[in-house]
Amino acid sequence: MTKVQLTGFQLKVIALLGMIIDHVYTHFGDLLGLPFWVSWIGRFVAPLFLFLLMEGFCHTSNRKAYFLRLLSGAGLMLIINILHNWLTGNYLNLLTGNFDIWLLINGNNIFLTLACFFLIFTLVDQIRKASSGSWL
């Protein structure tokens, strides 16, 4: 009996497809008449990306470059979110009608989340090394 193994790239493609399905449901589910359970298809994506982040953290040869790539992705997503919210008018407070900076920058940004987790992994790794691994 042969074992089926997926590479990191294959897992990322599967996660990407799940994320696309989830975003289509979120933005167009009512228009397309999609049932609620369609949103469940994408719920595995964030934990899978965190798993892949930890794998990359443990096996990368240059953590600084890895972190900078995550920050670059976060910056690009921030720009995309700002453009999207500006073009769709999602920057006005519904109660007052005034401009709201938090609504302007609001949006999905998995890269910022992953960069924050990367910092947490780095902090835990530094604490582990400083204490000689006695508590981890």
C-alpha atoms as a PDB file:
ATOM      1  CA  MET A   1       0.000   0.000   0.000  1.00  0.00           C
ATOM      2  CA  THR A   2       1.495   3.338  -1.030  1.00  0.00           C
ATOM      3  CA  LYS A   3       1.289   6.458   1.072  1.00  0.00           C
ATOM      4  CA  VAL A   4      -0.074   9.602  -0.495  1.00  0.00           C
ATOM      5  CA  GLN A   5       2.013  12.618   0.467  1.00  0.00           C
ATOM      6  CA  LEU A   6       1.409  16.228  -0.446  1.00  0.00           C
ATOM      7  CA  THR A   7       4.150  18.781  -0.911  1.00  0.00           C
ATOM      8  CA  GLY A   8       4.040  22.236   0.619  1.00  0.00           C
ATOM      9  CA  PHE A   9       3.214  23.671  -2.797  1.00  0.00           C
ATOM     10  CA  GLN A  10       0.299  21.264  -3.265  1.00  0.00           C
ATOM     11  CA  LEU A  11      -1.042  22.176   0.183  1.00  0.00           C
ATOM     12  CA  LYS A  12      -0.791  25.871  -0.718  1.00  0.00           C
ATOM     13  CA  VAL A  13      -2.735  25.304  -3.950  1.00  0.00           C
ATOM     14  CA  ILE A  14      -5.455  23.422  -2.038  1.00  0.00           C
ATOM     15  CA  ALA A  15      -5.589  26.238   0.534  1.00  0.00           C
ATOM     16  CA  LEU A  16      -5.752  28.836  -2.247  1.00  0.00           C
ATOM     17  CA  LEU A  17      -8.729  27.073  -3.817  1.00  0.00           C
ATOM     18  CA  GLY A  18     -10.466  26.876  -0.432  1.00  0.00           C
ATOM     19  CA  MET A  19      -9.791  30.570   0.157  1.00  0.00           C
ATOM     20  CA  ILE A  20     -11.178  31.519  -3.271  1.00  0.00           C
ATOM     21  CA  ILE A  21     -14.357  29.522  -2.632  1.00  0.00           C
ATOM     22  CA  ASP A  22     -14.756  31.166   0.774  1.00  0.00           C
ATOM     23  CA  HIS A  23     -14.249  34.666  -0.656  1.00  0.00           C
ATOM     24  CA  VAL A  24     -16.674  34.030  -3.518  1.00  0.00           C
ATOM     25  CA  TYR A  25     -19.269  32.961  -0.947  1.00  0.00           C
ATOM     26  CA  THR A  26     -18.533  35.991   1.260  1.00  0.00           C
ATOM     27  CA  HIS A  27     -18.815  38.558  -1.535  1.00  0.00           C
ATOM     28  CA  PHE A  28     -21.209  36.935  -4.004  1.00  0.00           C
ATOM     29  CA  GLY A  29     -22.983  34.144  -2.083  1.00  0.00           C
ATOM     30  CA  ASP A  30     -26.331  35.925  -1.964  1.00  0.00           C
ATOM     31  CA  LEU A  31     -26.178  36.885  -5.641  1.00  0.00           C
ATOM     32  CA  LEU A  32     -25.276  33.348  -6.686  1.00  0.00           C
ATOM     33  CA  GLY A  33     -27.744  31.711  -4.297  1.00  0.00           C
ATOM     34  CA  LEU A  34     -25.039  29.621  -2.635  1.00  0.00           C
ATOM     35  CA  PRO A  35     -25.994  27.659   0.492  1.00  0.00           C
ATOM     36  CA  PHE A  36     -24.381  28.527   3.833  1.00  0.00           C
ATOM     37  CA  TRP A  37     -22.296  25.345   3.985  1.00  0.00           C
ATOM     38  CA  VAL A  38     -20.169  26.597   1.062  1.00  0.00           C
ATOM     39  CA  SER A  39     -18.429  28.969   3.492  1.00  0.00           C
ATOM     40  CA  TRP A  40     -17.262  25.948   5.519  1.00  0.00           C
ATOM     41  CA  ILE A  41     -15.066  24.835   2.621  1.00  0.00           C
ATOM     42  CA  GLY A  42     -12.624  27.662   3.309  1.00  0.00           C
ATOM     43  CA  ARG A  43     -12.460  27.348   7.093  1.00  0.00           C
ATOM     44  CA  PHE A  44      -9.419  25.053   7.020  1.00  0.00           C
ATOM     45  CA  VAL A  45      -7.283  27.610   5.191  1.00  0.00           C
ATOM     46  CA  ALA A  46      -5.972  29.710   8.106  1.00  0.00           C
ATOM     47  CA  PRO A  47      -4.810  26.721  10.193  1.00  0.00           C
ATOM     48  CA  LEU A  48      -3.205  25.217   7.095  1.00  0.00           C
ATOM     49  CA  PHE A  49      -1.338  28.449   6.345  1.00  0.00           C
ATOM     50  CA  LEU A  50      -0.182  28.568   9.988  1.00  0.00           C
ATOM     51  CA  PHE A  51       1.087  25.000   9.691  1.00  0.00           C
ATOM     52  CA  LEU A  52       2.971  25.896   6.523  1.00  0.00           C
ATOM     53  CA  LEU A  53       4.336  29.025   8.204  1.00  0.00           C
ATOM     54  CA  MET A  54       5.747  26.932  11.055  1.00  0.00           C
ATOM     55  CA  GLU A  55       7.246  24.483   8.576  1.00  0.00           C
ATOM     56  CA  GLY A  56       8.857  27.369   6.702  1.00  0.00           C
ATOM     57  CA  PHE A  57      10.045  28.943   9.956  1.00  0.00           C
ATOM     58  CA  CYS A  58      11.792  25.715  10.972  1.00  0.00           C
ATOM     59  CA  HIS A  59      13.337  24.941   7.591  1.00  0.00           C
ATOM     60  CA  THR A  60      14.229  28.316   6.076  1.00  0.00           C
ATOM     61  CA  SER A  61      17.860  29.300   5.793  1.00  0.00           C
ATOM     62  CA  ASN A  62      17.122  33.026   6.101  1.00  0.00           C
ATOM     63  CA  ARG A  63      14.403  33.985   8.583  1.00  0.00           C
ATOM     64  CA  LYS A  64      14.930  37.697   8.029  1.00  0.00           C
ATOM     65  CA  ALA A  65      14.226  37.396   4.287  1.00  0.00           C
ATOM     66  CA  TYR A  66      11.217  35.183   5.020  1.00  0.00           C
ATOM     67  CA  PHE A  67       9.813  37.782   7.434  1.00  0.00           C
ATOM     68  CA  LEU A  68      10.437  40.604   4.944  1.00  0.00           C
ATOM     69  CA  ARG A  69       8.530  38.677   2.251  1.00  0.00           C
ATOM     70  CA  LEU A  70       5.597  38.303   4.665  1.00  0.00           C
ATOM     71  CA  LEU A  71       5.704  42.042   5.410  1.00  0.00           C
ATOM     72  CA  SER A  72       5.845  42.817   1.688  1.00  0.00           C
ATOM     73  CA  GLY A  73       2.749  40.692   1.132  1.00  0.00           C
ATOM     74  CA  ALA A  74       1.033  42.448   4.042  1.00  0.00           C
ATOM     75  CA  GLY A  75       1.904  45.858   2.568  1.00  0.00           C
ATOM     76  CA  LEU A  76       0.608  44.866  -0.864  1.00  0.00           C
ATOM     77  CA  MET A  77      -2.645  43.562   0.647  1.00  0.00           C
ATOM     78  CA  LEU A  78      -3.018  46.799   2.631  1.00  0.00           C
ATOM     79  CA  ILE A  79      -2.730  48.812  -0.593  1.00  0.00           C
ATOM     80  CA  ILE A  80      -5.257  46.528  -2.303  1.00  0.00           C
ATOM     81  CA  ASN A  81      -7.669  46.859   0.653  1.00  0.00           C
ATOM     82  CA  ILE A  82      -7.363  50.651   0.631  1.00  0.00           C
ATOM     83  CA  LEU A  83      -8.001  50.818  -3.124  1.00  0.00           C
ATOM     84  CA  HIS A  84     -10.956  48.442  -2.834  1.00  0.00           C
ATOM     85  CA  ASN A  85     -12.524  50.377   0.035  1.00  0.00           C
ATOM     86  CA  TRP A  86     -11.909  53.716  -1.653  1.00  0.00           C
ATOM     87  CA  LEU A  87     -13.426  52.615  -4.969  1.00  0.00           C
ATOM     88  CA  THR A  88     -16.455  51.003  -3.324  1.00  0.00           C
ATOM     89  CA  GLY A  89     -17.041  53.821  -0.844  1.00  0.00           C
ATOM     90  CA  ASN A  90     -16.523  51.586   2.170  1.00  0.00           C
ATOM     91  CA  TYR A  91     -14.700  54.299   4.082  1.00  0.00           C
ATOM     92  CA  LEU A  92     -17.685  56.317   5.319  1.00  0.00           C
ATOM     93  CA  ASN A  93     -19.151  55.753   8.758  1.00  0.00           C
ATOM     94  CA  LEU A  94     -22.715  54.523   8.278  1.00  0.00           C
ATOM     95  CA  LEU A  95     -24.023  56.458  11.283  1.00  0.00           C
ATOM     96  CA  THR A  96     -22.356  59.825  10.715  1.00  0.00           C
ATOM     97  CA  GLY A  97     -21.432  59.735   7.034  1.00  0.00           C
ATOM     98  CA  ASN A  98     -17.940  60.959   7.960  1.00  0.00           C
ATOM     99  CA  PHE A  99     -14.634  59.627   6.685  1.00  0.00           C
ATOM    100  CA  ASP A 100     -13.266  56.796   8.863  1.00  0.00           C
ATOM    101  CA  ILE A 101      -9.614  55.777   8.466  1.00  0.00           C
ATOM    102  CA  TRP A 102     -10.244  52.398  10.108  1.00  0.00           C
ATOM    103  CA  LEU A 103     -12.902  51.553   7.542  1.00  0.00           C
ATOM    104  CA  LEU A 104     -10.536  52.621   4.756  1.00  0.00           C
ATOM    105  CA  ILE A 105      -7.767  50.211   5.794  1.00  0.00           C
ATOM    106  CA  ASN A 106     -10.160  47.430   6.828  1.00  0.00           C
ATOM    107  CA  GLY A 107      -9.957  44.163   4.934  1.00  0.00           C
ATOM    108  CA  ASN A 108      -8.653  40.624   4.847  1.00  0.00           C
ATOM    109  CA  ASN A 109      -4.871  40.454   5.248  1.00  0.00           C
ATOM    110  CA  ILE A 110      -3.630  36.942   6.008  1.00  0.00           C
ATOM    111  CA  PHE A 111      -0.046  38.083   5.363  1.00  0.00           C
ATOM    112  CA  LEU A 112      -0.175  40.517   8.291  1.00  0.00           C
ATOM    113  CA  THR A 113      -1.541  37.743  10.504  1.00  0.00           C
ATOM    114  CA  LEU A 114       1.219  35.389   9.360  1.00  0.00           C
ATOM    115  CA  ALA A 115       3.890  38.066   9.946  1.00  0.00           C
ATOM    116  CA  CYS A 116       2.600  38.537  13.512  1.00  0.00           C
ATOM    117  CA  PHE A 117       2.700  34.784  14.121  1.00  0.00           C
ATOM    118  CA  PHE A 118       6.220  34.717  12.667  1.00  0.00           C
ATOM    119  CA  LEU A 119       7.246  37.280  15.296  1.00  0.00           C
ATOM    120  CA  ILE A 120       5.647  35.133  18.002  1.00  0.00           C
ATOM    121  CA  PHE A 121       7.513  32.050  16.740  1.00  0.00           C
ATOM    122  CA  THR A 122      10.748  34.065  16.776  1.00  0.00           C
ATOM    123  CA  LEU A 123      10.116  35.264  20.322  1.00  0.00           C
ATOM    124  CA  VAL A 124       9.375  31.739  21.555  1.00  0.00           C
ATOM    125  CA  ASP A 125      12.478  30.433  19.776  1.00  0.00           C
ATOM    126  CA  GLN A 126      14.653  33.130  21.369  1.00  0.00           C
ATOM    127  CA  ILE A 127      13.222  32.392  24.834  1.00  0.00           C
ATOM    128  CA  ARG A 128      13.790  28.668  24.278  1.00  0.00           C
ATOM    129  CA  LYS A 129      17.404  29.242  23.251  1.00  0.00           C
ATOM    130  CA  ALA A 130      18.022  31.618  26.177  1.00  0.00           C
ATOM    131  CA  SER A 131      16.691  29.121  28.701  1.00  0.00           C
ATOM    132  CA  SER A 132      18.521  26.187  27.056  1.00  0.00           C
ATOM    133  CA  GLY A 133      15.234  24.479  26.193  1.00  0.00           C
ATOM    134  CA  SER A 134      14.534  23.566  29.830  1.00  0.00           C
ATOM    135  CA  TRP A 135      10.859  24.539  29.743  1.00  0.00           C
ATOM    136  CA  LEU A 136       9.872  23.723  26.167  1.00  0.00           C
END
